[in-house]
Structure formats: structure tokens, C-alpha cells
PDB file of N, CA and C in Angstrom:
ATOM      1  N   MET A   1       0.842  -1.178   0.001  1.00  0.00           N
ATOM      2  CA  MET A   1       0.000  -0.001   0.001  1.00  0.00           C
ATOM      3  C   MET A   1       0.897   1.248   0.005  1.00  0.00           C
ATOM      4  N   THR A   2       0.459   2.219  -0.764  1.00  0.00           N
ATOM      5  CA  THR A   2       1.223   3.441  -0.910  1.00  0.00           C
ATOM      6  C   THR A   2       0.885   4.402   0.227  1.00  0.00           C
ATOM      7  N   THR A   3       1.911   4.977   0.812  1.00  0.00           N
ATOM      8  CA  THR A   3       1.684   5.945   1.881  1.00  0.00           C
ATOM      9  C   THR A   3       1.428   7.308   1.254  1.00  0.00           C
ATOM     10  N   LEU A   4       0.885   8.194   2.052  1.00  0.00           N
ATOM     11  CA  LEU A   4       0.593   9.546   1.599  1.00  0.00           C
ATOM     12  C   LEU A   4       1.879  10.250   1.182  1.00  0.00           C
ATOM     13  N   LYS A   5       2.939  10.007   1.922  1.00  0.00           N
ATOM     14  CA  LYS A   5       4.231  10.630   1.624  1.00  0.00           C
ATOM     15  C   LYS A   5       4.740  10.149   0.255  1.00  0.00           C
ATOM     16  N   GLU A   6       4.622   8.845  -0.016  1.00  0.00           N
ATOM     17  CA  GLU A   6       5.057   8.293  -1.301  1.00  0.00           C
ATOM     18  C   GLU A   6       4.182   8.836  -2.446  1.00  0.00           C
ATOM     19  N   TYR A   7       2.887   8.931  -2.188  1.00  0.00           N
ATOM     20  CA  TYR A   7       1.954   9.462  -3.182  1.00  0.00           C
ATOM     21  C   TYR A   7       2.329  10.896  -3.537  1.00  0.00           C
ATOM     22  N   LYS A   8       2.592  11.719  -2.529  1.00  0.00           N
ATOM     23  CA  LYS A   8       2.942  13.116  -2.773  1.00  0.00           C
ATOM     24  C   LYS A   8       4.256  13.225  -3.544  1.00  0.00           C
ATOM     25  N   ALA A   9       5.220  12.388  -3.193  1.00  0.00           N
ATOM     26  CA  ALA A   9       6.514  12.404  -3.874  1.00  0.00           C
ATOM     27  C   ALA A   9       6.336  11.976  -5.341  1.00  0.00           C
ATOM     28  N   HIS A  10       5.529  10.963  -5.565  1.00  0.00           N
ATOM     29  CA  HIS A  10       5.270  10.487  -6.936  1.00  0.00           C
ATOM     30  C   HIS A  10       4.536  11.555  -7.737  1.00  0.00           C
ATOM     31  N   ARG A  11       3.575  12.174  -7.103  1.00  0.00           N
ATOM     32  CA  ARG A  11       2.810  13.246  -7.750  1.00  0.00           C
ATOM     33  C   ARG A  11       3.736  14.421  -8.129  1.00  0.00           C
ATOM     34  N   LYS A  12       4.641  14.749  -7.214  1.00  0.00           N
ATOM     35  CA  LYS A  12       5.583  15.839  -7.473  1.00  0.00           C
ATOM     36  C   LYS A  12       6.484  15.482  -8.661  1.00  0.00           C
ATOM     37  N   GLU A  13       6.944  14.233  -8.724  1.00  0.00           N
ATOM     38  CA  GLU A  13       7.761  13.782  -9.854  1.00  0.00           C
ATOM     39  C   GLU A  13       6.994  13.887 -11.172  1.00  0.00           C
ATOM     40  N   LEU A  14       5.740  13.460 -11.143  1.00  0.00           N
ATOM     41  CA  LEU A  14       4.924  13.505 -12.359  1.00  0.00           C
ATOM     42  C   LEU A  14       4.690  14.945 -12.818  1.00  0.00           C
ATOM     43  N   LYS A  15       4.434  15.831 -11.880  1.00  0.00           N
ATOM     44  CA  LYS A  15       4.248  17.254 -12.219  1.00  0.00           C
ATOM     45  C   LYS A  15       5.523  17.837 -12.816  1.00  0.00           C
ATOM     46  N   ALA A  16       6.677  17.434 -12.274  1.00  0.00           N
ATOM     47  CA  ALA A  16       7.954  17.894 -12.813  1.00  0.00           C
ATOM     48  C   ALA A  16       8.157  17.378 -14.238  1.00  0.00           C
ATOM     49  N   GLN A  17       7.770  16.124 -14.481  1.00  0.00           N
ATOM     50  CA  GLN A  17       7.867  15.559 -15.826  1.00  0.00           C
ATOM     51  C   GLN A  17       6.940  16.288 -16.786  1.00  0.00           C
ATOM     52  N   ILE A  18       5.734  16.579 -16.346  1.00  0.00           N
ATOM     53  CA  ILE A  18       4.772  17.323 -17.177  1.00  0.00           C
ATOM     54  C   ILE A  18       5.333  18.692 -17.528  1.00  0.00           C
ATOM     55  N   LYS A  19       5.907  19.353 -16.539  1.00  0.00           N
ATOM     56  CA  LYS A  19       6.494  20.681 -16.765  1.00  0.00           C
ATOM     57  C   LYS A  19       7.631  20.583 -17.788  1.00  0.00           C
ATOM     58  N   GLU A  20       8.450  19.543 -17.652  1.00  0.00           N
ATOM     59  CA  GLU A  20       9.573  19.349 -18.564  1.00  0.00           C
ATOM     60  C   GLU A  20       9.070  19.064 -19.988  1.00  0.00           C
ATOM     61  N   VAL A  21       8.043  18.243 -20.095  1.00  0.00           N
ATOM     62  CA  VAL A  21       7.482  17.918 -21.415  1.00  0.00           C
ATOM     63  C   VAL A  21       6.875  19.165 -22.051  1.00  0.00           C
ATOM     64  N   LYS A  22       6.186  19.982 -21.269  1.00  0.00           N
ATOM     65  CA  LYS A  22       5.611  21.218 -21.786  1.00  0.00           C
ATOM     66  C   LYS A  22       6.703  22.160 -22.276  1.00  0.00           C
ATOM     67  N   ALA A  23       7.787  22.248 -21.554  1.00  0.00           N
ATOM     68  CA  ALA A  23       8.909  23.095 -21.957  1.00  0.00           C
ATOM     69  C   ALA A  23       9.529  22.578 -23.258  1.00  0.00           C
ATOM     70  N   THR A  24       9.666  21.256 -23.353  1.00  0.00           N
ATOM     71  CA  THR A  24      10.208  20.644 -24.571  1.00  0.00           C
ATOM     72  C   THR A  24       9.284  20.899 -25.748  1.00  0.00           C
ATOM     73  N   LEU A  25       7.985  20.751 -25.513  1.00  0.00           N
ATOM     74  CA  LEU A  25       6.998  21.002 -26.569  1.00  0.00           C
ATOM     75  C   LEU A  25       7.065  22.454 -27.041  1.00  0.00           C
ATOM     76  N   LYS A  26       7.163  23.376 -26.104  1.00  0.00           N
ATOM     77  CA  LYS A  26       7.239  24.786 -26.449  1.00  0.00           C
ATOM     78  C   LYS A  26       8.501  25.068 -27.271  1.00  0.00           C
ATOM     79  N   ARG A  27       9.623  24.483 -26.865  1.00  0.00           N
ATOM     80  CA  ARG A  27      10.881  24.672 -27.595  1.00  0.00           C
ATOM     81  C   ARG A  27      10.777  24.105 -29.000  1.00  0.00           C
ATOM     82  N   LEU A  28      10.177  22.919 -29.129  1.00  0.00           N
ATOM     83  CA  LEU A  28      10.027  22.313 -30.450  1.00  0.00           C
ATOM     84  C   LEU A  28       9.091  23.118 -31.345  1.00  0.00           C
ATOM     85  N   GLU A  29       8.032  23.661 -30.754  1.00  0.00           N
ATOM     86  CA  GLU A  29       7.118  24.512 -31.524  1.00  0.00           C
ATOM     87  C   GLU A  29       7.827  25.775 -32.005  1.00  0.00           C
ATOM     88  N   GLN A  30       8.687  26.327 -31.162  1.00  0.00           N
ATOM     89  CA  GLN A  30       9.449  27.514 -31.556  1.00  0.00           C
ATOM     90  C   GLN A  30      10.431  27.174 -32.676  1.00  0.00           C
ATOM     91  N   GLU A  31      11.070  26.022 -32.591  1.00  0.00           N
ATOM     92  CA  GLU A  31      11.985  25.590 -33.640  1.00  0.00           C
ATOM     93  C   GLU A  31      11.237  25.391 -34.950  1.00  0.00           C
ATOM     94  N   LEU A  32      10.059  24.790 -34.860  1.00  0.00           N
ATOM     95  CA  LEU A  32       9.239  24.557 -36.041  1.00  0.00           C
ATOM     96  C   LEU A  32       8.838  25.876 -36.689  1.00  0.00           C
ATOM     97  N   GLU A  33       8.415  26.829 -35.878  1.00  0.00           N
ATOM     98  CA  GLU A  33       8.018  28.143 -36.379  1.00  0.00           C
ATOM     99  C   GLU A  33       9.215  28.851 -37.022  1.00  0.00           C
ATOM    100  N   ALA A  34      10.369  28.767 -36.390  1.00  0.00           N
ATOM    101  CA  ALA A  34      11.570  29.393 -36.961  1.00  0.00           C
ATOM    102  C   ALA A  34      11.917  28.760 -38.296  1.00  0.00           C
ATOM    103  N   GLU A  35      11.797  27.451 -38.384  1.00  0.00           N
ATOM    104  CA  GLU A  35      12.081  26.743 -39.645  1.00  0.00           C
ATOM    105  C   GLU A  35      11.071  27.140 -40.719  1.00  0.00           C
ATOM    106  N   ARG A  36       9.812  27.270 -40.343  1.00  0.00           N
ATOM    107  CA  ARG A  36       8.766  27.679 -41.293  1.00  0.00           C
ATOM    108  C   ARG A  36       9.073  29.077 -41.824  1.00  0.00           C
ATOM    109  N   GLN A  37       9.461  29.978 -40.942  1.00  0.00           N
ATOM    110  CA  GLN A  37       9.784  31.331 -41.354  1.00  0.00           C
ATOM    111  C   GLN A  37      11.011  31.362 -42.274  1.00  0.00           C
ATOM    112  N   ASP A  38      12.004  30.538 -41.942  1.00  0.00           N
ATOM    113  CA  ASP A  38      13.191  30.458 -42.814  1.00  0.00           C
ATOM    114  C   ASP A  38      12.808  29.985 -44.212  1.00  0.00           C
ATOM    115  N   MET A  39      11.946  28.981 -44.283  1.00  0.00           N
ATOM    116  CA  MET A  39      11.510  28.473 -45.581  1.00  0.00           C
ATOM    117  C   MET A  39      10.735  29.553 -46.337  1.00  0.00           C
ATOM    118  N   GLN A  40       9.908  30.307 -45.632  1.00  0.00           N
ATOM    119  CA  GLN A  40       9.160  31.393 -46.270  1.00  0.00           C
ATOM    120  C   GLN A  40      10.117  32.427 -46.826  1.00  0.00           C
ATOM    121  N   HIS A  41      11.132  32.783 -46.063  1.00  0.00           N
ATOM    122  CA  HIS A  41      12.103  33.765 -46.516  1.00  0.00           C
ATOM    123  C   HIS A  41      12.844  33.245 -47.752  1.00  0.00           C
ATOM    124  N   GLU A  42      13.143  31.951 -47.768  1.00  0.00           N
ATOM    125  CA  GLU A  42      13.810  31.359 -48.923  1.00  0.00           C
ATOM    126  C   GLU A  42      12.927  31.492 -50.166  1.00  0.00           C
ATOM    127  N   GLU A  43      11.658  31.210 -50.014  1.00  0.00           N
ATOM    128  CA  GLU A  43      10.726  31.306 -51.139  1.00  0.00           C
ATOM    129  C   GLU A  43      10.624  32.747 -51.620  1.00  0.00           C
ATOM    130  N   VAL A  44      10.591  33.693 -50.700  1.00  0.00           N
ATOM    131  CA  VAL A  44      10.522  35.102 -51.083  1.00  0.00           C
ATOM    132  C   VAL A  44      11.806  35.495 -51.816  1.00  0.00           C
ATOM    133  N   ASP A  45      12.938  34.986 -51.349  1.00  0.00           N
ATOM    134  CA  ASP A  45      14.208  35.280 -52.008  1.00  0.00           C
ATOM    135  C   ASP A  45      14.225  34.771 -53.443  1.00  0.00           C
ATOM    136  N   HIS A  46      13.514  33.676 -53.703  1.00  0.00           N
ATOM    137  CA  HIS A  46      13.470  33.103 -55.047  1.00  0.00           C
ATOM    138  C   HIS A  46      12.299  33.615 -55.880  1.00  0.00           C
ATOM    139  N   LEU A  47      11.515  34.512 -55.331  1.00  0.00           N
ATOM    140  CA  LEU A  47      10.320  35.002 -56.023  1.00  0.00           C
ATOM    141  C   LEU A  47      10.670  35.656 -57.360  1.00  0.00           C
ATOM    142  N   ASP A  48      11.722  36.475 -57.404  1.00  0.00           N
ATOM    143  CA  ASP A  48      12.120  37.103 -58.669  1.00  0.00           C
ATOM    144  C   ASP A  48      12.460  36.046 -59.716  1.00  0.00           C
ATOM    145  N   GLU A  49      13.118  35.000 -59.281  1.00  0.00           N
ATOM    146  CA  GLU A  49      13.469  33.909 -60.201  1.00  0.00           C
ATOM    147  C   GLU A  49      12.195  33.247 -60.734  1.00  0.00           C
ATOM    148  N   TYR A  50      11.231  32.988 -59.875  1.00  0.00           N
ATOM    149  CA  TYR A  50       9.975  32.380 -60.287  1.00  0.00           C
ATOM    150  C   TYR A  50       9.226  33.291 -61.256  1.00  0.00           C
ATOM    151  N   LEU A  51       9.208  34.588 -60.963  1.00  0.00           N
ATOM    152  CA  LEU A  51       8.522  35.530 -61.841  1.00  0.00           C
ATOM    153  C   LEU A  51       9.196  35.600 -63.208  1.00  0.00           C
ATOM    154  N   ASP A  52      10.525  35.567 -63.229  1.00  0.00           N
ATOM    155  CA  ASP A  52      11.249  35.571 -64.498  1.00  0.00           C
ATOM    156  C   ASP A  52      10.904  34.330 -65.335  1.00  0.00           C
ATOM    157  N   LYS A  53      10.773  33.202 -64.680  1.00  0.00           N
ATOM    158  CA  LYS A  53      10.413  31.960 -65.381  1.00  0.00           C
ATOM    159  C   LYS A  53       8.972  32.002 -65.884  1.00  0.00           C
ATOM    160  N   ALA A  54       8.094  32.678 -65.147  1.00  0.00           N
ATOM    161  CA  ALA A  54       6.677  32.726 -65.509  1.00  0.00           C
ATOM    162  C   ALA A  54       6.385  33.785 -66.568  1.00  0.00           C
ATOM    163  N   GLU A  55       7.248  34.767 -66.715  1.00  0.00           N
ATOM    164  CA  GLU A  55       6.983  35.903 -67.616  1.00  0.00           C
ATOM    165  C   GLU A  55       6.659  35.469 -69.047  1.00  0.00           C
ATOM    166  N   PRO A  56       7.425  34.575 -69.672  1.00  0.00           N
ATOM    167  CA  PRO A  56       7.074  34.175 -71.044  1.00  0.00           C
ATOM    168  C   PRO A  56       5.668  33.573 -71.133  1.00  0.00           C
ATOM    169  N   HIS A  57       5.281  32.846 -70.121  1.00  0.00           N
ATOM    170  CA  HIS A  57       3.941  32.239 -70.120  1.00  0.00           C
ATOM    171  C   HIS A  57       2.872  33.317 -69.959  1.00  0.00           C
ATOM    172  N   LEU A  58       3.161  34.323 -69.155  1.00  0.00           N
ATOM    173  CA  LEU A  58       2.205  35.415 -68.966  1.00  0.00           C
ATOM    174  C   LEU A  58       2.003  36.198 -70.258  1.00  0.00           C
ATOM    175  N   VAL A  59       3.073  36.363 -71.029  1.00  0.00           N
ATOM    176  CA  VAL A  59       2.974  37.042 -72.322  1.00  0.00           C
ATOM    177  C   VAL A  59       2.068  36.241 -73.249  1.00  0.00           C
ATOM    178  N   ASP A  60       2.236  34.914 -73.248  1.00  0.00           N
ATOM    179  CA  ASP A  60       1.367  34.066 -74.071  1.00  0.00           C
ATOM    180  C   ASP A  60      -0.085  34.182 -73.650  1.00  0.00           C
ATOM    181  N   VAL A  61      -0.340  34.211 -72.364  1.00  0.00           N
ATOM    182  CA  VAL A  61      -1.706  34.350 -71.857  1.00  0.00           C
ATOM    183  C   VAL A  61      -2.286  35.696 -72.281  1.00  0.00           C
ATOM    184  N   LYS A  62      -1.460  36.730 -72.221  1.00  0.00           N
ATOM    185  CA  LYS A  62      -1.911  38.061 -72.628  1.00  0.00           C
ATOM    186  C   LYS A  62      -2.289  38.069 -74.098  1.00  0.00           C
ATOM    187  N   LYS A  63      -1.432  37.488 -74.946  1.00  0.00           N
ATOM    188  CA  LYS A  63      -1.717  37.427 -76.382  1.00  0.00           C
ATOM    189  C   LYS A  63      -3.006  36.648 -76.650  1.00  0.00           C
ATOM    190  N   LEU A  64      -3.164  35.548 -75.955  1.00  0.00           N
ATOM    191  CA  LEU A  64      -4.362  34.732 -76.116  1.00  0.00           C
ATOM    192  C   LEU A  64      -5.607  35.516 -75.707  1.00  0.00           C
ATOM    193  N   GLY A  65      -5.505  36.248 -74.606  1.00  0.00           N
ATOM    194  CA  GLY A  65      -6.635  37.066 -74.139  1.00  0.00           C
ATOM    195  C   GLY A  65      -6.997  38.148 -75.139  1.00  0.00           C
ATOM    196  N   ILE A  66      -5.994  38.828 -75.687  1.00  0.00           N
ATOM    197  CA  ILE A  66      -6.235  39.875 -76.670  1.00  0.00           C
ATOM    198  C   ILE A  66      -6.884  39.279 -77.918  1.00  0.00           C
ATOM    199  N   SER A  67      -6.381  38.149 -78.365  1.00  0.00           N
ATOM    200  CA  SER A  67      -6.943  37.485 -79.538  1.00  0.00           C
ATOM    201  C   SER A  67      -8.396  37.076 -79.282  1.00  0.00           C
ATOM    202  N   ALA A  68      -8.672  36.543 -78.115  1.00  0.00           N
ATOM    203  CA  ALA A  68     -10.040  36.123 -77.785  1.00  0.00           C
ATOM    204  C   ALA A  68     -10.981  37.326 -77.770  1.00  0.00           C
ATOM    205  N   ILE A  69     -10.520  38.450 -77.225  1.00  0.00           N
ATOM    206  CA  ILE A  69     -11.359  39.659 -77.177  1.00  0.00           C
ATOM    207  C   ILE A  69     -11.617  40.161 -78.601  1.00  0.00           C
ATOM    208  N   GLU A  70     -10.606  40.162 -79.465  1.00  0.00           N
ATOM    209  CA  GLU A  70     -10.771  40.605 -80.842  1.00  0.00           C
ATOM    210  C   GLU A  70     -11.752  39.704 -81.586  1.00  0.00           C
ATOM    211  N   ASP A  71     -11.625  38.385 -81.392  1.00  0.00           N
ATOM    212  CA  ASP A  71     -12.572  37.451 -82.011  1.00  0.00           C
ATOM    213  C   ASP A  71     -13.985  37.685 -81.511  1.00  0.00           C
ATOM    214  N   PHE A  72     -14.132  37.946 -80.225  1.00  0.00           N
ATOM    215  CA  PHE A  72     -15.449  38.191 -79.653  1.00  0.00           C
ATOM    216  C   PHE A  72     -16.045  39.468 -80.240  1.00  0.00           C
ATOM    217  N   LYS A  73     -15.232  40.524 -80.342  1.00  0.00           N
ATOM    218  CA  LYS A  73     -15.714  41.780 -80.929  1.00  0.00           C
ATOM    219  C   LYS A  73     -16.174  41.576 -82.364  1.00  0.00           C
ATOM    220  N   LYS A  74     -15.366  40.815 -83.116  1.00  0.00           N
ATOM    221  CA  LYS A  74     -15.721  40.548 -84.519  1.00  0.00           C
ATOM    222  C   LYS A  74     -17.038  39.762 -84.590  1.00  0.00           C
ATOM    223  N   SER A  75     -17.200  38.775 -83.730  1.00  0.00           N
ATOM    224  CA  SER A  75     -18.416  37.977 -83.720  1.00  0.00           C
ATOM    225  C   SER A  75     -19.639  38.814 -83.361  1.00  0.00           C
ATOM    226  N   VAL A  76     -19.481  39.703 -82.370  1.00  0.00           N
ATOM    227  CA  VAL A  76     -20.592  40.572 -81.974  1.00  0.00           C
ATOM    228  C   VAL A  76     -20.924  41.537 -83.115  1.00  0.00           C
ATOM    229  N   SER A  77     -19.896  42.077 -83.751  1.00  0.00           N
ATOM    230  CA  SER A  77     -20.109  42.983 -84.879  1.00  0.00           C
ATOM    231  C   SER A  77     -20.841  42.270 -86.018  1.00  0.00           C
ATOM    232  N   ASN A  78     -20.430  41.053 -86.327  1.00  0.00           N
ATOM    233  CA  ASN A  78     -21.101  40.270 -87.364  1.00  0.00           C
ATOM    234  C   ASN A  78     -22.545  39.965 -86.982  1.00  0.00           C
ATOM    235  N   LEU A  79     -22.776  39.654 -85.724  1.00  0.00           N
ATOM    236  CA  LEU A  79     -24.129  39.383 -85.260  1.00  0.00           C
ATOM    237  C   LEU A  79     -25.010  40.616 -85.388  1.00  0.00           C
ATOM    238  N   VAL A  80     -24.490  41.764 -84.950  1.00  0.00           N
ATOM    239  CA  VAL A  80     -25.247  43.015 -85.035  1.00  0.00           C
ATOM    240  C   VAL A  80     -25.532  43.344 -86.504  1.00  0.00           C
ATOM    241  N   SER A  81     -24.548  43.164 -87.359  1.00  0.00           N
ATOM    242  CA  SER A  81     -24.733  43.432 -88.786  1.00  0.00           C
ATOM    243  C   SER A  81     -25.791  42.491 -89.373  1.00  0.00           C
ATOM    244  N   SER A  82     -25.756  41.262 -88.947  1.00  0.00           N
ATOM    245  CA  SER A  82     -26.712  40.276 -89.431  1.00  0.00           C
ATOM    246  C   SER A  82     -28.125  40.632 -88.969  1.00  0.00           C
ATOM    247  N   ILE A  83     -28.237  41.064 -87.710  1.00  0.00           N
ATOM    248  CA  ILE A  83     -29.567  41.415 -87.166  1.00  0.00           C
ATOM    249  C   ILE A  83     -30.108  42.655 -87.846  1.00  0.00           C
ATOM    250  N   THR A  84     -29.271  43.648 -88.023  1.00  0.00           N
ATOM    251  CA  THR A  84     -29.737  44.908 -88.587  1.00  0.00           C
ATOM    252  C   THR A  84     -29.855  44.852 -90.101  1.00  0.00           C
ATOM    253  N   GLY A  85     -29.292  43.841 -90.729  1.00  0.00           N
ATOM    254  CA  GLY A  85     -29.372  43.690 -92.167  1.00  0.00           C
ATOM    255  C   GLY A  85     -28.320  44.455 -92.911  1.00  0.00           C
ATOM    256  N   SER A  86     -27.435  45.126 -92.239  1.00  0.00           N
ATOM    257  CA  SER A  86     -26.404  45.902 -92.914  1.00  0.00           C
ATOM    258  C   SER A  86     -25.334  44.996 -93.523  1.00  0.00           C
ATOM    259  N   GLY A  87     -25.315  43.742 -93.143  1.00  0.00           N
ATOM    260  CA  GLY A  87     -24.323  42.811 -93.670  1.00  0.00           C
ATOM    261  C   GLY A  87     -24.770  42.190 -94.971  1.00  0.00           C
ATOM    262  N   LYS A  88     -26.054  42.395 -95.385  1.00  0.00           N
ATOM    263  CA  LYS A  88     -26.573  41.800 -96.628  1.00  0.00           C
ATOM    264  C   LYS A  88     -26.183  42.642 -97.810  1.00  0.00           C
ATOM    265  N   LYS A  89     -25.945  41.959 -98.913  1.00  0.00           N
ATOM    266  CA  LYS A  89     -25.619  42.669-100.147  1.00  0.00           C
ATOM    267  C   LYS A  89     -26.446  42.141-101.265  1.00  0.00           C
TER     268      LYS A  89
END
């Protein structure tokens, strides 16, 4: 049978272990956050490189968009001409 004195000593040991585990957890969380921030900074440092690589593709998208708008304008113009009869000869 456990005495009250032994129980209190065991409880004190367990509380000390809990405190130690909480401190370890806090330290690990801080390390994780620092590592996450470092990785973010690395990505930001490479952002110009990523933008340079993406630029040719963005130019293609721009050309495609302009072409699509011109085709749409032409189609609307043809439709309006067809409706109004000005396109008939």
C-alpha cells in the first residue's frame, strides 16, 4: 500500500515531468516556427526567379486574351450586322 508521503513524492515527480514535457514542446514549436519562417524567406528570395520563369507564359496568356477579345468583338459585330441587315448585299 502506498503511503501519503510516497503518493505526494510520486505526484511531485509527475508534475515535474509534465512541466519538462511542456517546456520541450514549447521549444520544439518555436523551432518549427523558426524553420517555417526560414523556408518562407527562402521562397521570397526566389520570387524574382519564379517571376522571371513565368513571364514568357504570362505574355502568351496576354496574347491569347487579346486574340479572344478581338474574335469576340468581330463575332458581336457580325451578329449586329446580321440582325440589322447591314451585312446583306
